[in-house]
Amino acid sequence: MIKHIVMWKLKDSHEGMSKDECIAKIKQELEGLKSAIPEIKTMELGKNFNELPVSFDVALYSEFESMEDLEIYQKHPEHVKVAQFIRQIRTDVALADYET
């Protein structure tokens, strides 16, 4: 099983959207990928409530059966579209992929 964890720090606003509105859009779009990409076995997205300076705003946890399935997910046009939006609004990112 492949575990894919991503965390983002976001800008305070983007094109008239507040940070909370951006988080809601990310959540809706990423969770919508579950029905479009069958290789996603599990996906959770959460808004951080910890306000320490080292904290990230949003965390994504997902699971895939294989590295190949993770690659299919990452290259899928719908995922690419969401990733492009996130790149516009993030100020920092942390990523970990590992196998269990």
N, C-alpha and C. Protein backbone atom coordinates (compact mmCIF):
# COMPACT_ATOMS: atom_id res chain seq x y z
N MET A 1 0.85 -1.17 0.00
CA MET A 1 0.00 0.00 0.00
C MET A 1 0.90 1.24 0.00
N ILE A 2 0.55 2.22 -0.81
CA ILE A 2 1.28 3.49 -0.89
C ILE A 2 0.47 4.55 -0.15
N LYS A 3 1.14 5.24 0.77
CA LYS A 3 0.53 6.36 1.50
C LYS A 3 1.07 7.65 0.90
N HIS A 4 0.19 8.60 0.63
CA HIS A 4 0.54 9.88 0.00
C HIS A 4 0.00 10.99 0.91
N ILE A 5 0.92 11.76 1.48
CA ILE A 5 0.54 12.82 2.42
C ILE A 5 1.08 14.15 1.89
N VAL A 6 0.20 15.13 1.81
CA VAL A 6 0.59 16.47 1.35
C VAL A 6 -0.01 17.48 2.31
N MET A 7 0.77 18.51 2.64
CA MET A 7 0.29 19.60 3.48
C MET A 7 0.63 20.92 2.80
N TRP A 8 -0.29 21.88 2.91
CA TRP A 8 -0.09 23.17 2.27
C TRP A 8 -0.29 24.30 3.27
N LYS A 9 0.54 25.34 3.14
CA LYS A 9 0.29 26.63 3.76
C LYS A 9 -0.27 27.49 2.63
N LEU A 10 -1.34 28.23 2.92
CA LEU A 10 -2.03 28.99 1.89
C LEU A 10 -1.92 30.49 2.11
N LYS A 11 -2.08 31.22 1.01
CA LYS A 11 -2.17 32.67 1.08
C LYS A 11 -3.44 33.03 1.86
N ASP A 12 -3.47 34.22 2.42
CA ASP A 12 -4.65 34.65 3.17
C ASP A 12 -5.87 34.85 2.28
N SER A 13 -5.64 35.17 0.99
CA SER A 13 -6.74 35.32 0.04
C SER A 13 -6.21 35.10 -1.37
N HIS A 14 -7.14 34.87 -2.29
CA HIS A 14 -6.80 34.65 -3.69
C HIS A 14 -7.98 35.06 -4.55
N GLU A 15 -7.77 36.04 -5.41
CA GLU A 15 -8.81 36.49 -6.35
C GLU A 15 -10.17 36.67 -5.67
N GLY A 16 -10.16 37.36 -4.53
CA GLY A 16 -11.40 37.66 -3.82
C GLY A 16 -11.90 36.55 -2.92
N MET A 17 -11.23 35.41 -2.90
CA MET A 17 -11.63 34.30 -2.03
C MET A 17 -10.81 34.35 -0.75
N SER A 18 -11.45 34.15 0.38
CA SER A 18 -10.73 34.06 1.65
C SER A 18 -10.00 32.72 1.72
N LYS A 19 -9.11 32.61 2.71
CA LYS A 19 -8.41 31.34 2.91
C LYS A 19 -9.40 30.21 3.16
N ASP A 20 -10.43 30.46 3.98
CA ASP A 20 -11.43 29.42 4.25
C ASP A 20 -12.18 29.02 2.99
N GLU A 21 -12.48 29.98 2.13
CA GLU A 21 -13.16 29.66 0.86
C GLU A 21 -12.24 28.84 -0.04
N CYS A 22 -10.96 29.16 -0.04
CA CYS A 22 -10.00 28.38 -0.83
C CYS A 22 -9.91 26.95 -0.31
N ILE A 23 -9.88 26.81 1.02
CA ILE A 23 -9.84 25.48 1.62
C ILE A 23 -11.08 24.68 1.24
N ALA A 24 -12.24 25.30 1.30
CA ALA A 24 -13.49 24.63 0.93
C ALA A 24 -13.44 24.18 -0.53
N LYS A 25 -12.89 25.02 -1.41
CA LYS A 25 -12.79 24.65 -2.83
C LYS A 25 -11.83 23.48 -3.02
N ILE A 26 -10.68 23.53 -2.35
CA ILE A 26 -9.73 22.42 -2.44
C ILE A 26 -10.39 21.13 -1.98
N LYS A 27 -11.06 21.19 -0.83
CA LYS A 27 -11.71 20.00 -0.27
C LYS A 27 -12.74 19.43 -1.24
N GLN A 28 -13.59 20.29 -1.78
CA GLN A 28 -14.62 19.83 -2.71
C GLN A 28 -14.00 19.20 -3.95
N GLU A 29 -13.00 19.86 -4.51
CA GLU A 29 -12.41 19.36 -5.76
C GLU A 29 -11.59 18.09 -5.54
N LEU A 30 -10.80 18.03 -4.48
CA LEU A 30 -10.02 16.82 -4.23
C LEU A 30 -10.92 15.64 -3.88
N GLU A 31 -11.91 15.86 -3.03
CA GLU A 31 -12.81 14.76 -2.69
C GLU A 31 -13.63 14.31 -3.89
N GLY A 32 -13.88 15.21 -4.84
CA GLY A 32 -14.56 14.84 -6.07
C GLY A 32 -13.75 13.91 -6.95
N LEU A 33 -12.44 13.88 -6.74
CA LEU A 33 -11.58 13.00 -7.54
C LEU A 33 -11.82 11.53 -7.22
N LYS A 34 -12.36 11.23 -6.05
CA LYS A 34 -12.59 9.83 -5.67
C LYS A 34 -13.49 9.12 -6.68
N SER A 35 -14.48 9.83 -7.19
CA SER A 35 -15.39 9.20 -8.16
C SER A 35 -14.81 9.19 -9.57
N ALA A 36 -13.84 10.05 -9.84
CA ALA A 36 -13.26 10.15 -11.18
C ALA A 36 -12.02 9.27 -11.37
N ILE A 37 -11.35 8.94 -10.26
CA ILE A 37 -10.10 8.18 -10.34
C ILE A 37 -10.21 6.95 -9.45
N PRO A 38 -10.53 5.79 -10.03
CA PRO A 38 -10.77 4.60 -9.21
C PRO A 38 -9.53 4.09 -8.48
N GLU A 39 -8.34 4.54 -8.87
CA GLU A 39 -7.12 4.10 -8.21
C GLU A 39 -6.99 4.65 -6.78
N ILE A 40 -7.76 5.69 -6.45
CA ILE A 40 -7.74 6.23 -5.08
C ILE A 40 -8.49 5.25 -4.18
N LYS A 41 -7.77 4.68 -3.22
CA LYS A 41 -8.40 3.74 -2.29
C LYS A 41 -9.00 4.47 -1.09
N THR A 42 -8.29 5.46 -0.59
CA THR A 42 -8.74 6.26 0.55
C THR A 42 -8.26 7.68 0.35
N MET A 43 -9.10 8.64 0.75
CA MET A 43 -8.68 10.04 0.70
C MET A 43 -9.38 10.80 1.81
N GLU A 44 -8.57 11.56 2.56
CA GLU A 44 -9.08 12.45 3.61
C GLU A 44 -8.41 13.79 3.45
N LEU A 45 -9.17 14.82 3.65
CA LEU A 45 -8.62 16.17 3.61
C LEU A 45 -9.14 16.92 4.81
N GLY A 46 -8.24 17.59 5.52
CA GLY A 46 -8.67 18.30 6.70
C GLY A 46 -8.03 19.66 6.84
N LYS A 47 -8.80 20.57 7.44
CA LYS A 47 -8.31 21.91 7.75
C LYS A 47 -7.67 21.87 9.13
N ASN A 48 -6.45 22.34 9.22
CA ASN A 48 -5.73 22.36 10.48
C ASN A 48 -6.34 23.36 11.45
N PHE A 49 -6.40 23.00 12.73
CA PHE A 49 -6.89 23.93 13.75
C PHE A 49 -5.77 24.39 14.68
N ASN A 50 -4.56 23.87 14.50
CA ASN A 50 -3.42 24.25 15.31
C ASN A 50 -2.81 25.53 14.75
N GLU A 51 -2.58 26.52 15.58
CA GLU A 51 -2.12 27.83 15.09
C GLU A 51 -0.64 28.09 15.35
N LEU A 52 0.15 27.07 15.57
CA LEU A 52 1.58 27.26 15.74
C LEU A 52 2.20 27.77 14.43
N PRO A 53 3.26 28.55 14.50
CA PRO A 53 3.88 29.08 13.28
C PRO A 53 4.36 28.01 12.30
N VAL A 54 4.68 26.83 12.80
CA VAL A 54 5.16 25.76 11.92
C VAL A 54 4.02 24.95 11.30
N SER A 55 2.79 25.24 11.67
CA SER A 55 1.63 24.49 11.19
C SER A 55 1.31 24.80 9.73
N PHE A 56 0.76 23.81 9.07
CA PHE A 56 0.24 23.98 7.72
C PHE A 56 -1.27 24.16 7.81
N ASP A 57 -1.88 24.73 6.78
CA ASP A 57 -3.32 25.02 6.80
C ASP A 57 -4.20 23.83 6.44
N VAL A 58 -3.72 22.99 5.54
CA VAL A 58 -4.52 21.89 5.02
C VAL A 58 -3.65 20.64 4.90
N ALA A 59 -4.23 19.49 5.22
CA ALA A 59 -3.51 18.22 5.08
C ALA A 59 -4.35 17.25 4.25
N LEU A 60 -3.67 16.55 3.34
CA LEU A 60 -4.30 15.52 2.51
C LEU A 60 -3.63 14.19 2.82
N TYR A 61 -4.44 13.18 3.09
CA TYR A 61 -3.95 11.82 3.28
C TYR A 61 -4.67 10.94 2.27
N SER A 62 -3.91 10.18 1.49
CA SER A 62 -4.54 9.27 0.54
C SER A 62 -3.74 7.99 0.43
N GLU A 63 -4.42 6.94 -0.03
CA GLU A 63 -3.79 5.62 -0.18
C GLU A 63 -4.04 5.08 -1.57
N PHE A 64 -3.02 4.34 -2.05
CA PHE A 64 -3.07 3.71 -3.38
C PHE A 64 -2.48 2.31 -3.26
N GLU A 65 -2.95 1.41 -4.10
CA GLU A 65 -2.46 0.03 -4.06
C GLU A 65 -1.00 -0.08 -4.49
N SER A 66 -0.56 0.78 -5.41
CA SER A 66 0.78 0.64 -5.98
C SER A 66 1.33 2.00 -6.41
N MET A 67 2.62 2.03 -6.69
CA MET A 67 3.24 3.25 -7.23
C MET A 67 2.61 3.62 -8.56
N GLU A 68 2.25 2.61 -9.35
CA GLU A 68 1.62 2.86 -10.64
C GLU A 68 0.27 3.56 -10.46
N ASP A 69 -0.49 3.15 -9.46
CA ASP A 69 -1.78 3.80 -9.19
C ASP A 69 -1.58 5.24 -8.74
N LEU A 70 -0.56 5.50 -7.93
CA LEU A 70 -0.26 6.86 -7.52
C LEU A 70 0.10 7.72 -8.74
N GLU A 71 0.88 7.16 -9.65
CA GLU A 71 1.25 7.90 -10.87
C GLU A 71 0.03 8.19 -11.74
N ILE A 72 -0.89 7.23 -11.85
CA ILE A 72 -2.12 7.45 -12.61
C ILE A 72 -2.88 8.62 -12.01
N TYR A 73 -3.01 8.64 -10.69
CA TYR A 73 -3.68 9.73 -9.97
C TYR A 73 -3.00 11.06 -10.26
N GLN A 74 -1.68 11.09 -10.11
CA GLN A 74 -0.96 12.35 -10.28
C GLN A 74 -1.03 12.90 -11.70
N LYS A 75 -1.15 12.03 -12.69
CA LYS A 75 -1.20 12.46 -14.09
C LYS A 75 -2.61 12.64 -14.62
N HIS A 76 -3.60 12.24 -13.85
CA HIS A 76 -4.99 12.34 -14.30
C HIS A 76 -5.35 13.81 -14.53
N PRO A 77 -6.00 14.12 -15.66
CA PRO A 77 -6.32 15.53 -15.98
C PRO A 77 -7.10 16.26 -14.89
N GLU A 78 -7.99 15.58 -14.20
CA GLU A 78 -8.75 16.24 -13.14
C GLU A 78 -7.87 16.58 -11.94
N HIS A 79 -6.94 15.70 -11.62
CA HIS A 79 -5.99 16.00 -10.54
C HIS A 79 -5.07 17.14 -10.94
N VAL A 80 -4.59 17.13 -12.17
CA VAL A 80 -3.72 18.20 -12.66
C VAL A 80 -4.41 19.55 -12.54
N LYS A 81 -5.70 19.59 -12.85
CA LYS A 81 -6.47 20.83 -12.74
C LYS A 81 -6.52 21.34 -11.30
N VAL A 82 -6.79 20.45 -10.36
CA VAL A 82 -6.83 20.85 -8.95
C VAL A 82 -5.44 21.28 -8.49
N ALA A 83 -4.42 20.56 -8.90
CA ALA A 83 -3.05 20.88 -8.49
C ALA A 83 -2.63 22.27 -9.00
N GLN A 84 -3.07 22.63 -10.19
CA GLN A 84 -2.76 23.95 -10.73
C GLN A 84 -3.37 25.04 -9.87
N PHE A 85 -4.61 24.85 -9.43
CA PHE A 85 -5.25 25.82 -8.55
C PHE A 85 -4.48 25.93 -7.23
N ILE A 86 -4.13 24.79 -6.65
CA ILE A 86 -3.43 24.80 -5.37
C ILE A 86 -2.09 25.51 -5.50
N ARG A 87 -1.38 25.30 -6.58
CA ARG A 87 -0.09 25.97 -6.77
C ARG A 87 -0.25 27.50 -6.77
N GLN A 88 -1.38 27.98 -7.23
CA GLN A 88 -1.63 29.43 -7.26
C GLN A 88 -1.86 30.00 -5.87
N ILE A 89 -2.37 29.20 -4.96
CA ILE A 89 -2.76 29.73 -3.65
C ILE A 89 -1.86 29.31 -2.50
N ARG A 90 -0.93 28.42 -2.75
CA ARG A 90 -0.07 27.95 -1.66
C ARG A 90 1.16 28.82 -1.51
N THR A 91 1.65 28.89 -0.28
CA THR A 91 2.92 29.57 -0.02
C THR A 91 4.01 28.56 0.33
N ASP A 92 3.60 27.36 0.74
CA ASP A 92 4.55 26.32 1.09
C ASP A 92 3.86 24.97 0.98
N VAL A 93 4.66 23.93 0.78
CA VAL A 93 4.11 22.58 0.66
C VAL A 93 5.08 21.60 1.30
N ALA A 94 4.54 20.54 1.89
CA ALA A 94 5.32 19.42 2.41
C ALA A 94 4.69 18.15 1.87
N LEU A 95 5.51 17.18 1.53
CA LEU A 95 5.03 15.96 0.88
C LEU A 95 5.78 14.77 1.42
N ALA A 96 5.06 13.66 1.63
CA ALA A 96 5.68 12.39 1.98
C ALA A 96 4.92 11.28 1.28
N ASP A 97 5.64 10.42 0.60
CA ASP A 97 5.09 9.20 0.00
C ASP A 97 5.88 8.05 0.60
N TYR A 98 5.15 7.02 1.06
CA TYR A 98 5.85 5.86 1.59
C TYR A 98 5.02 4.61 1.38
N GLU A 99 5.69 3.46 1.49
CA GLU A 99 5.05 2.17 1.25
C GLU A 99 4.94 1.39 2.56
N THR A 100 3.80 0.73 2.74
CA THR A 100 3.62 -0.11 3.92
C THR A 100 3.31 -1.52 3.51
